[in-house]
Structure formats: structure tokens, C-alpha cells
């Protein structure tokens, strides 16, 4: 969505590249330390990604509308 590489996301979230790779390797919720997951989510949200709660159609992500 934001066209980042693994290196870009790791740098933006201030986590290791292998942390991002392990998160990507899992199907479903990533099994990682809560602080790393929060840092990755915060970096993606700062880049414009919006996380959507499950509302009958399942959870998902989308880009925020331009303001």
C-alpha cells in the first residue's frame, strides 16, 4: 500500500529487518513482542494506513482518505 521495502518498514518502526520478515512469514496474526507489533503498526499508520476492525466483513486495512 505504501510501497515500502522490508528495510523501509524496519527503519520507520525502529525494529530489526528480521523482526519484520518473521511477522510477514506468518499467516494470521503475527507472533511477536507487543512493543514491536505496536511500533510496526504505528509506522504504518503514520504512513497513511488505516486498520479496520472486524465489522461483519472481517478485519482489514486501507489507505486513509486524503484531506
C-alpha atoms as a PDB file:
ATOM      1  CA  UNK A   1       0.000   0.000   0.000  1.00  0.00           C
ATOM      2  CA  UNK A   2       2.768   2.431   0.811  1.00  0.00           C
ATOM      3  CA  UNK A   3       5.344   0.709  -1.412  1.00  0.00           C
ATOM      4  CA  UNK A   4       7.881   0.192   1.339  1.00  0.00           C
ATOM      5  CA  UNK A   5      10.584  -2.449   1.349  1.00  0.00           C
ATOM      6  CA  UNK A   6      11.232  -4.560   4.433  1.00  0.00           C
ATOM      7  CA  UNK A   7      14.166  -2.259   5.149  1.00  0.00           C
ATOM      8  CA  UNK A   8      11.929   0.826   4.885  1.00  0.00           C
ATOM      9  CA  UNK A   9       9.390  -0.576   7.350  1.00  0.00           C
ATOM     10  CA  UNK A  10      12.058  -1.762   9.776  1.00  0.00           C
ATOM     11  CA  UNK A  11      13.677   1.693   9.741  1.00  0.00           C
ATOM     12  CA  UNK A  12      10.348   3.538  10.154  1.00  0.00           C
ATOM     13  CA  UNK A  13       9.333   1.260  13.043  1.00  0.00           C
ATOM     14  CA  UNK A  14      12.822   1.181  14.584  1.00  0.00           C
ATOM     15  CA  UNK A  15      12.847  -2.622  14.631  1.00  0.00           C
ATOM     16  CA  UNK A  16      15.147  -5.162  13.044  1.00  0.00           C
ATOM     17  CA  UNK A  17      14.698  -6.379   9.493  1.00  0.00           C
ATOM     18  CA  UNK A  18      14.385  -9.966  10.741  1.00  0.00           C
ATOM     19  CA  UNK A  19      11.536  -8.889  13.035  1.00  0.00           C
ATOM     20  CA  UNK A  20       9.600  -7.639  10.014  1.00  0.00           C
ATOM     21  CA  UNK A  21      10.463 -10.753   7.997  1.00  0.00           C
ATOM     22  CA  UNK A  22       9.220 -13.045  10.791  1.00  0.00           C
ATOM     23  CA  UNK A  23       5.974 -11.066  11.014  1.00  0.00           C
ATOM     24  CA  UNK A  24       5.457 -11.362   7.244  1.00  0.00           C
ATOM     25  CA  UNK A  25       6.136 -15.106   7.287  1.00  0.00           C
ATOM     26  CA  UNK A  26       3.086 -15.860   9.462  1.00  0.00           C
ATOM     27  CA  UNK A  27      -0.425 -16.382   8.174  1.00  0.00           C
ATOM     28  CA  UNK A  28      -2.801 -14.651  10.552  1.00  0.00           C
ATOM     29  CA  UNK A  29      -1.783 -12.507  13.496  1.00  0.00           C
ATOM     30  CA  UNK A  30       1.988 -12.231  13.852  1.00  0.00           C
ATOM     31  CA  UNK A  31       3.534 -13.798  16.926  1.00  0.00           C
ATOM     32  CA  UNK A  32       5.944 -11.149  18.154  1.00  0.00           C
ATOM     33  CA  UNK A  33       6.584  -8.962  21.155  1.00  0.00           C
ATOM     34  CA  UNK A  34       3.766  -6.484  21.720  1.00  0.00           C
ATOM     35  CA  UNK A  35       6.105  -3.474  21.601  1.00  0.00           C
ATOM     36  CA  UNK A  36       7.456  -4.498  18.171  1.00  0.00           C
ATOM     37  CA  UNK A  37       3.961  -5.048  16.820  1.00  0.00           C
ATOM     38  CA  UNK A  38       2.862  -1.658  18.158  1.00  0.00           C
ATOM     39  CA  UNK A  39       5.894   0.032  16.581  1.00  0.00           C
ATOM     40  CA  UNK A  40       5.177  -1.542  13.177  1.00  0.00           C
ATOM     41  CA  UNK A  41       1.521  -0.585  13.365  1.00  0.00           C
ATOM     42  CA  UNK A  42       2.379   2.996  14.382  1.00  0.00           C
ATOM     43  CA  UNK A  43       4.827   3.324  11.483  1.00  0.00           C
ATOM     44  CA  UNK A  44       2.227   2.097   9.005  1.00  0.00           C
ATOM     45  CA  UNK A  45      -0.440   4.383  10.444  1.00  0.00           C
ATOM     46  CA  UNK A  46       1.933   7.352  10.212  1.00  0.00           C
ATOM     47  CA  UNK A  47       2.392   6.468   6.526  1.00  0.00           C
ATOM     48  CA  UNK A  48      -1.376   6.625   5.953  1.00  0.00           C
ATOM     49  CA  UNK A  49      -2.517   3.041   6.504  1.00  0.00           C
ATOM     50  CA  UNK A  50      -5.789   2.678   8.415  1.00  0.00           C
ATOM     51  CA  UNK A  51      -6.534  -0.563  10.262  1.00  0.00           C
ATOM     52  CA  UNK A  52     -10.202  -1.567  10.075  1.00  0.00           C
ATOM     53  CA  UNK A  53     -11.790  -3.564  12.873  1.00  0.00           C
ATOM     54  CA  UNK A  54     -13.874  -6.600  12.052  1.00  0.00           C
ATOM     55  CA  UNK A  55     -17.359  -5.317  11.290  1.00  0.00           C
ATOM     56  CA  UNK A  56     -19.038  -8.359   9.845  1.00  0.00           C
ATOM     57  CA  UNK A  57     -16.837  -8.421   6.774  1.00  0.00           C
ATOM     58  CA  UNK A  58     -13.614  -9.235   8.566  1.00  0.00           C
ATOM     59  CA  UNK A  59     -10.687  -7.054   9.619  1.00  0.00           C
ATOM     60  CA  UNK A  60      -8.615  -5.256   7.022  1.00  0.00           C
ATOM     61  CA  UNK A  61      -6.547  -2.246   6.049  1.00  0.00           C
ATOM     62  CA  UNK A  62      -6.958   0.663   3.665  1.00  0.00           C
ATOM     63  CA  UNK A  63      -5.294   3.962   2.923  1.00  0.00           C
ATOM     64  CA  UNK A  64      -6.717   6.970   4.716  1.00  0.00           C
ATOM     65  CA  UNK A  65      -8.622   9.427   2.592  1.00  0.00           C
ATOM     66  CA  UNK A  66      -6.625  12.457   1.507  1.00  0.00           C
ATOM     67  CA  UNK A  67      -7.611  15.511   3.479  1.00  0.00           C
END
